[in-house]
C-alpha atoms as a PDB file:
ATOM      1  CA  UNK A   1      -5.750 -69.136   4.459  1.00  0.00           C
ATOM      2  CA  UNK A   2      -4.447 -72.122   7.183  1.00  0.00           C
ATOM      3  CA  UNK A   3      -3.740 -74.561   4.397  1.00  0.00           C
ATOM      4  CA  UNK A   4      -1.766 -72.211   2.312  1.00  0.00           C
ATOM      5  CA  UNK A   5       0.407 -70.407   5.237  1.00  0.00           C
ATOM      6  CA  UNK A   6       1.316 -74.109   5.989  1.00  0.00           C
ATOM      7  CA  UNK A   7       1.865 -74.812   3.081  1.00  0.00           C
ATOM      8  CA  UNK A   8       4.298 -71.304   2.915  1.00  0.00           C
ATOM      9  CA  UNK A   9       5.736 -72.945   6.395  1.00  0.00           C
ATOM     10  CA  UNK A  10       6.288 -76.605   4.829  1.00  0.00           C
ATOM     11  CA  UNK A  11       8.444 -74.745   2.416  1.00  0.00           C
ATOM     12  CA  UNK A  12       9.775 -72.125   3.785  1.00  0.00           C
ATOM     13  CA  UNK A  13      11.416 -74.641   6.239  1.00  0.00           C
ATOM     14  CA  UNK A  14      12.004 -77.152   2.769  1.00  0.00           C
ATOM     15  CA  UNK A  15      14.281 -73.729   1.700  1.00  0.00           C
ATOM     16  CA  UNK A  16      15.737 -72.086   3.617  1.00  0.00           C
ATOM     17  CA  UNK A  17      16.901 -75.064   6.894  1.00  0.00           C
ATOM     18  CA  UNK A  18      16.526 -79.077   5.641  1.00  0.00           C
ATOM     19  CA  UNK A  19      18.780 -77.002   2.347  1.00  0.00           C
ATOM     20  CA  UNK A  20      21.824 -75.038   4.245  1.00  0.00           C
ATOM     21  CA  UNK A  21      22.166 -78.127   6.433  1.00  0.00           C
ATOM     22  CA  UNK A  22      21.843 -80.659   4.240  1.00  0.00           C
ATOM     23  CA  UNK A  23      24.181 -79.201   1.556  1.00  0.00           C
ATOM     24  CA  UNK A  24      26.036 -78.613   4.159  1.00  0.00           C
ATOM     25  CA  UNK A  25      27.127 -81.627   6.365  1.00  0.00           C
ATOM     26  CA  UNK A  26      25.060 -83.949   3.992  1.00  0.00           C
ATOM     27  CA  UNK A  27      26.101 -83.119   0.383  1.00  0.00           C
ATOM     28  CA  UNK A  28      28.503 -84.774  -1.556  1.00  0.00           C
ATOM     29  CA  UNK A  29      30.323 -87.848  -0.045  1.00  0.00           C
ATOM     30  CA  UNK A  30      33.258 -88.691   2.880  1.00  0.00           C
ATOM     31  CA  UNK A  31      36.487 -88.864   1.592  1.00  0.00           C
ATOM     32  CA  UNK A  32      38.218 -90.148   5.137  1.00  0.00           C
ATOM     33  CA  UNK A  33      37.036 -89.511   9.148  1.00  0.00           C
ATOM     34  CA  UNK A  34      39.906 -88.998  10.448  1.00  0.00           C
ATOM     35  CA  UNK A  35      39.858 -89.118  13.939  1.00  0.00           C
ATOM     36  CA  UNK A  36      41.864 -86.388  16.609  1.00  0.00           C
ATOM     37  CA  UNK A  37      44.197 -87.674  19.177  1.00  0.00           C
ATOM     38  CA  UNK A  38      43.842 -86.582  23.019  1.00  0.00           C
ATOM     39  CA  UNK A  39      47.269 -84.237  23.283  1.00  0.00           C
ATOM     40  CA  UNK A  40      46.877 -83.144  26.778  1.00  0.00           C
ATOM     41  CA  UNK A  41      44.256 -84.035  28.909  1.00  0.00           C
ATOM     42  CA  UNK A  42      44.255 -80.725  31.536  1.00  0.00           C
ATOM     43  CA  UNK A  43      44.570 -78.110  28.393  1.00  0.00           C
ATOM     44  CA  UNK A  44      42.540 -80.376  26.377  1.00  0.00           C
ATOM     45  CA  UNK A  45      44.121 -80.341  22.572  1.00  0.00           C
ATOM     46  CA  UNK A  46      43.551 -82.769  20.526  1.00  0.00           C
ATOM     47  CA  UNK A  47      45.235 -83.548  17.012  1.00  0.00           C
ATOM     48  CA  UNK A  48      44.942 -85.862  14.169  1.00  0.00           C
ATOM     49  CA  UNK A  49      47.119 -88.068  11.974  1.00  0.00           C
ATOM     50  CA  UNK A  50      47.897 -87.301   8.550  1.00  0.00           C
ATOM     51  CA  UNK A  51      45.631 -86.832   5.602  1.00  0.00           C
ATOM     52  CA  UNK A  52      45.484 -86.077   2.077  1.00  0.00           C
ATOM     53  CA  UNK A  53      43.705 -84.160   0.601  1.00  0.00           C
ATOM     54  CA  UNK A  54      44.341 -83.937  -4.197  1.00  0.00           C
ATOM     55  CA  UNK A  55      42.377 -80.831  -6.153  1.00  0.00           C
ATOM     56  CA  UNK A  56      40.114 -83.512  -8.021  1.00  0.00           C
ATOM     57  CA  UNK A  57      37.899 -83.596  -4.061  1.00  0.00           C
ATOM     58  CA  UNK A  58      36.687 -80.279  -4.806  1.00  0.00           C
ATOM     59  CA  UNK A  59      34.660 -78.595  -2.997  1.00  0.00           C
ATOM     60  CA  UNK A  60      35.910 -80.115   0.189  1.00  0.00           C
ATOM     61  CA  UNK A  61      34.707 -79.265   3.384  1.00  0.00           C
ATOM     62  CA  UNK A  62      35.724 -80.048   6.999  1.00  0.00           C
ATOM     63  CA  UNK A  63      33.336 -81.599   9.214  1.00  0.00           C
ATOM     64  CA  UNK A  64      34.259 -81.919  13.177  1.00  0.00           C
ATOM     65  CA  UNK A  65      32.412 -84.640  15.379  1.00  0.00           C
ATOM     66  CA  UNK A  66      32.439 -84.303  18.854  1.00  0.00           C
ATOM     67  CA  UNK A  67      31.081 -85.742  21.949  1.00  0.00           C
ATOM     68  CA  UNK A  68      31.648 -84.351  26.008  1.00  0.00           C
ATOM     69  CA  UNK A  69      29.927 -84.526  29.061  1.00  0.00           C
ATOM     70  CA  UNK A  70      29.599 -82.352  32.068  1.00  0.00           C
ATOM     71  CA  UNK A  71      27.654 -82.206  35.785  1.00  0.00           C
ATOM     72  CA  UNK A  72      24.501 -82.896  35.007  1.00  0.00           C
ATOM     73  CA  UNK A  73      23.618 -80.159  37.711  1.00  0.00           C
ATOM     74  CA  UNK A  74      24.687 -76.751  36.883  1.00  0.00           C
ATOM     75  CA  UNK A  75      22.297 -74.111  36.487  1.00  0.00           C
ATOM     76  CA  UNK A  76      19.393 -74.322  33.416  1.00  0.00           C
ATOM     77  CA  UNK A  77      19.959 -71.396  32.636  1.00  0.00           C
ATOM     78  CA  UNK A  78      23.289 -71.428  32.020  1.00  0.00           C
ATOM     79  CA  UNK A  79      24.721 -74.324  29.815  1.00  0.00           C
ATOM     80  CA  UNK A  80      28.041 -75.029  29.511  1.00  0.00           C
ATOM     81  CA  UNK A  81      29.532 -73.959  26.227  1.00  0.00           C
ATOM     82  CA  UNK A  82      33.545 -73.713  24.565  1.00  0.00           C
ATOM     83  CA  UNK A  83      35.024 -71.507  22.220  1.00  0.00           C
ATOM     84  CA  UNK A  84      37.517 -73.117  20.317  1.00  0.00           C
ATOM     85  CA  UNK A  85      40.202 -72.556  17.400  1.00  0.00           C
ATOM     86  CA  UNK A  86      41.174 -75.130  14.812  1.00  0.00           C
ATOM     87  CA  UNK A  87      44.957 -74.811  13.246  1.00  0.00           C
ATOM     88  CA  UNK A  88      45.125 -76.212   9.814  1.00  0.00           C
ATOM     89  CA  UNK A  89      48.504 -77.544   8.482  1.00  0.00           C
ATOM     90  CA  UNK A  90      49.444 -78.263   5.254  1.00  0.00           C
ATOM     91  CA  UNK A  91      52.694 -79.558   4.507  1.00  0.00           C
ATOM     92  CA  UNK A  92      53.781 -78.527   8.026  1.00  0.00           C
ATOM     93  CA  UNK A  93      52.954 -75.247   7.598  1.00  0.00           C
ATOM     94  CA  UNK A  94      49.934 -73.666   9.659  1.00  0.00           C
ATOM     95  CA  UNK A  95      47.109 -71.379   8.375  1.00  0.00           C
ATOM     96  CA  UNK A  96      44.697 -69.184  10.637  1.00  0.00           C
ATOM     97  CA  UNK A  97      43.265 -70.335  13.259  1.00  0.00           C
ATOM     98  CA  UNK A  98      39.684 -71.335  12.270  1.00  0.00           C
ATOM     99  CA  UNK A  99      36.964 -70.361  15.589  1.00  0.00           C
ATOM    100  CA  UNK A 100      33.942 -72.312  16.434  1.00  0.00           C
ATOM    101  CA  UNK A 101      31.834 -73.142  19.948  1.00  0.00           C
ATOM    102  CA  UNK A 102      30.331 -75.764  21.540  1.00  0.00           C
ATOM    103  CA  UNK A 103      27.247 -74.627  22.416  1.00  0.00           C
ATOM    104  CA  UNK A 104      25.281 -77.407  25.459  1.00  0.00           C
ATOM    105  CA  UNK A 105      22.371 -75.420  24.355  1.00  0.00           C
ATOM    106  CA  UNK A 106      20.102 -76.773  26.953  1.00  0.00           C
ATOM    107  CA  UNK A 107      21.892 -78.730  30.864  1.00  0.00           C
ATOM    108  CA  UNK A 108      18.831 -81.699  30.033  1.00  0.00           C
ATOM    109  CA  UNK A 109      22.217 -83.366  28.041  1.00  0.00           C
ATOM    110  CA  UNK A 110      25.150 -83.789  30.080  1.00  0.00           C
ATOM    111  CA  UNK A 111      26.649 -85.661  27.186  1.00  0.00           C
ATOM    112  CA  UNK A 112      26.288 -84.010  24.065  1.00  0.00           C
ATOM    113  CA  UNK A 113      26.950 -84.859  20.736  1.00  0.00           C
ATOM    114  CA  UNK A 114      28.441 -81.624  18.769  1.00  0.00           C
ATOM    115  CA  UNK A 115      28.754 -80.518  14.266  1.00  0.00           C
ATOM    116  CA  UNK A 116      30.734 -78.276  13.529  1.00  0.00           C
ATOM    117  CA  UNK A 117      30.911 -76.887   9.976  1.00  0.00           C
ATOM    118  CA  UNK A 118      34.648 -75.461  10.090  1.00  0.00           C
ATOM    119  CA  UNK A 119      35.811 -74.490   6.357  1.00  0.00           C
ATOM    120  CA  UNK A 120      34.644 -75.426   2.791  1.00  0.00           C
ATOM    121  CA  UNK A 121      37.504 -75.681   1.208  1.00  0.00           C
ATOM    122  CA  UNK A 122      35.957 -74.146  -3.245  1.00  0.00           C
ATOM    123  CA  UNK A 123      39.314 -75.085  -4.885  1.00  0.00           C
ATOM    124  CA  UNK A 124      41.993 -77.802  -3.213  1.00  0.00           C
ATOM    125  CA  UNK A 125      45.596 -77.276  -2.053  1.00  0.00           C
ATOM    126  CA  UNK A 126      46.833 -80.290  -2.528  1.00  0.00           C
ATOM    127  CA  UNK A 127      49.437 -82.059   0.523  1.00  0.00           C
ATOM    128  CA  UNK A 128      48.647 -83.629   2.688  1.00  0.00           C
ATOM    129  CA  UNK A 129      47.159 -81.544   5.927  1.00  0.00           C
ATOM    130  CA  UNK A 130      46.493 -81.617   9.872  1.00  0.00           C
ATOM    131  CA  UNK A 131      44.065 -80.672  11.950  1.00  0.00           C
ATOM    132  CA  UNK A 132      44.924 -79.387  16.423  1.00  0.00           C
ATOM    133  CA  UNK A 133      41.723 -77.767  18.210  1.00  0.00           C
ATOM    134  CA  UNK A 134      42.130 -75.689  21.328  1.00  0.00           C
ATOM    135  CA  UNK A 135      40.222 -74.183  23.342  1.00  0.00           C
ATOM    136  CA  UNK A 136      40.617 -70.331  23.945  1.00  0.00           C
ATOM    137  CA  UNK A 137      40.099 -71.555  28.043  1.00  0.00           C
ATOM    138  CA  UNK A 138      39.784 -73.951  30.124  1.00  0.00           C
ATOM    139  CA  UNK A 139      36.376 -76.225  28.512  1.00  0.00           C
ATOM    140  CA  UNK A 140      33.607 -76.648  30.531  1.00  0.00           C
ATOM    141  CA  UNK A 141      32.443 -79.736  28.592  1.00  0.00           C
ATOM    142  CA  UNK A 142      35.666 -82.107  27.997  1.00  0.00           C
ATOM    143  CA  UNK A 143      35.861 -83.493  25.036  1.00  0.00           C
ATOM    144  CA  UNK A 144      35.451 -87.446  25.486  1.00  0.00           C
ATOM    145  CA  UNK A 145      36.024 -88.154  21.257  1.00  0.00           C
ATOM    146  CA  UNK A 146      36.346 -86.010  18.548  1.00  0.00           C
ATOM    147  CA  UNK A 147      37.425 -86.719  14.653  1.00  0.00           C
ATOM    148  CA  UNK A 148      37.216 -84.887  11.087  1.00  0.00           C
ATOM    149  CA  UNK A 149      35.109 -86.102   9.203  1.00  0.00           C
ATOM    150  CA  UNK A 150      35.942 -85.171   5.633  1.00  0.00           C
ATOM    151  CA  UNK A 151      33.420 -84.433   3.316  1.00  0.00           C
ATOM    152  CA  UNK A 152      34.164 -84.051  -0.591  1.00  0.00           C
ATOM    153  CA  UNK A 153      32.779 -82.954  -3.949  1.00  0.00           C
ATOM    154  CA  UNK A 154      29.966 -80.737  -1.257  1.00  0.00           C
ATOM    155  CA  UNK A 155      26.643 -78.134  -2.415  1.00  0.00           C
ATOM    156  CA  UNK A 156      27.961 -74.942  -1.007  1.00  0.00           C
ATOM    157  CA  UNK A 157      24.558 -73.833  -0.552  1.00  0.00           C
ATOM    158  CA  UNK A 158      23.536 -70.804  -2.517  1.00  0.00           C
ATOM    159  CA  UNK A 159      22.524 -67.949   0.144  1.00  0.00           C
ATOM    160  CA  UNK A 160      19.462 -66.296  -2.511  1.00  0.00           C
ATOM    161  CA  UNK A 161      16.998 -69.432  -1.645  1.00  0.00           C
ATOM    162  CA  UNK A 162      18.226 -69.627   2.069  1.00  0.00           C
ATOM    163  CA  UNK A 163      16.974 -65.621   1.936  1.00  0.00           C
ATOM    164  CA  UNK A 164      13.649 -66.512   0.342  1.00  0.00           C
ATOM    165  CA  UNK A 165      13.120 -70.093   2.209  1.00  0.00           C
ATOM    166  CA  UNK A 166      13.771 -67.962   5.093  1.00  0.00           C
ATOM    167  CA  UNK A 167      11.205 -64.930   3.764  1.00  0.00           C
ATOM    168  CA  UNK A 168       7.939 -68.173   2.816  1.00  0.00           C
ATOM    169  CA  UNK A 169       8.858 -69.107   6.431  1.00  0.00           C
ATOM    170  CA  UNK A 170       8.561 -65.690   8.135  1.00  0.00           C
ATOM    171  CA  UNK A 171       5.400 -65.327   5.625  1.00  0.00           C
ATOM    172  CA  UNK A 172       4.170 -68.624   6.865  1.00  0.00           C
ATOM    173  CA  UNK A 173       3.721 -68.005  10.050  1.00  0.00           C
ATOM    174  CA  UNK A 174       2.809 -63.998   9.847  1.00  0.00           C
ATOM    175  CA  UNK A 175      -0.419 -66.372   7.642  1.00  0.00           C
ATOM    176  CA  UNK A 176      -0.856 -68.891  10.556  1.00  0.00           C
ATOM    177  CA  UNK A 177      -0.811 -65.676  13.287  1.00  0.00           C
ATOM    178  CA  UNK A 178      -3.220 -63.090  11.974  1.00  0.00           C
ATOM    179  CA  UNK A 179      -5.650 -66.480  11.451  1.00  0.00           C
END
């Protein structure tokens, strides 16, 4: 029973979380990496240079990579987290803001690195794009470096496959607990 539970657990991890992470962040290929420049240090705003996206790149994923730092003497029970809005514009026309969170998770690493999947475009409208990120409040994790990774031909994870993976993972965990 223990062997079957371990097989279920490994299969569930592979079909659920590993497949989802691979599809969202690593599938396809990198089309361009665009560094963002700090616009206002006190406000914590960052802006990219313009970059092109074309229809033949679809599906395209925009992944924001950022690195920050905070004082290491914080309460372990309350690690810092910040809310941001990503403002994507095409040919000067700004789209609806995309909200995302940068959460340190713990105070053990006072120089965290974040990867945030902002959006997946199934269809790409050709044009010149620009990204600006704005914090909702004064950032508790001041960012030192921010860049946007544009991944083309990204695979959109199949939700049914991810759910089956999670179900198999739970069955494997239940099998281990019952043994």
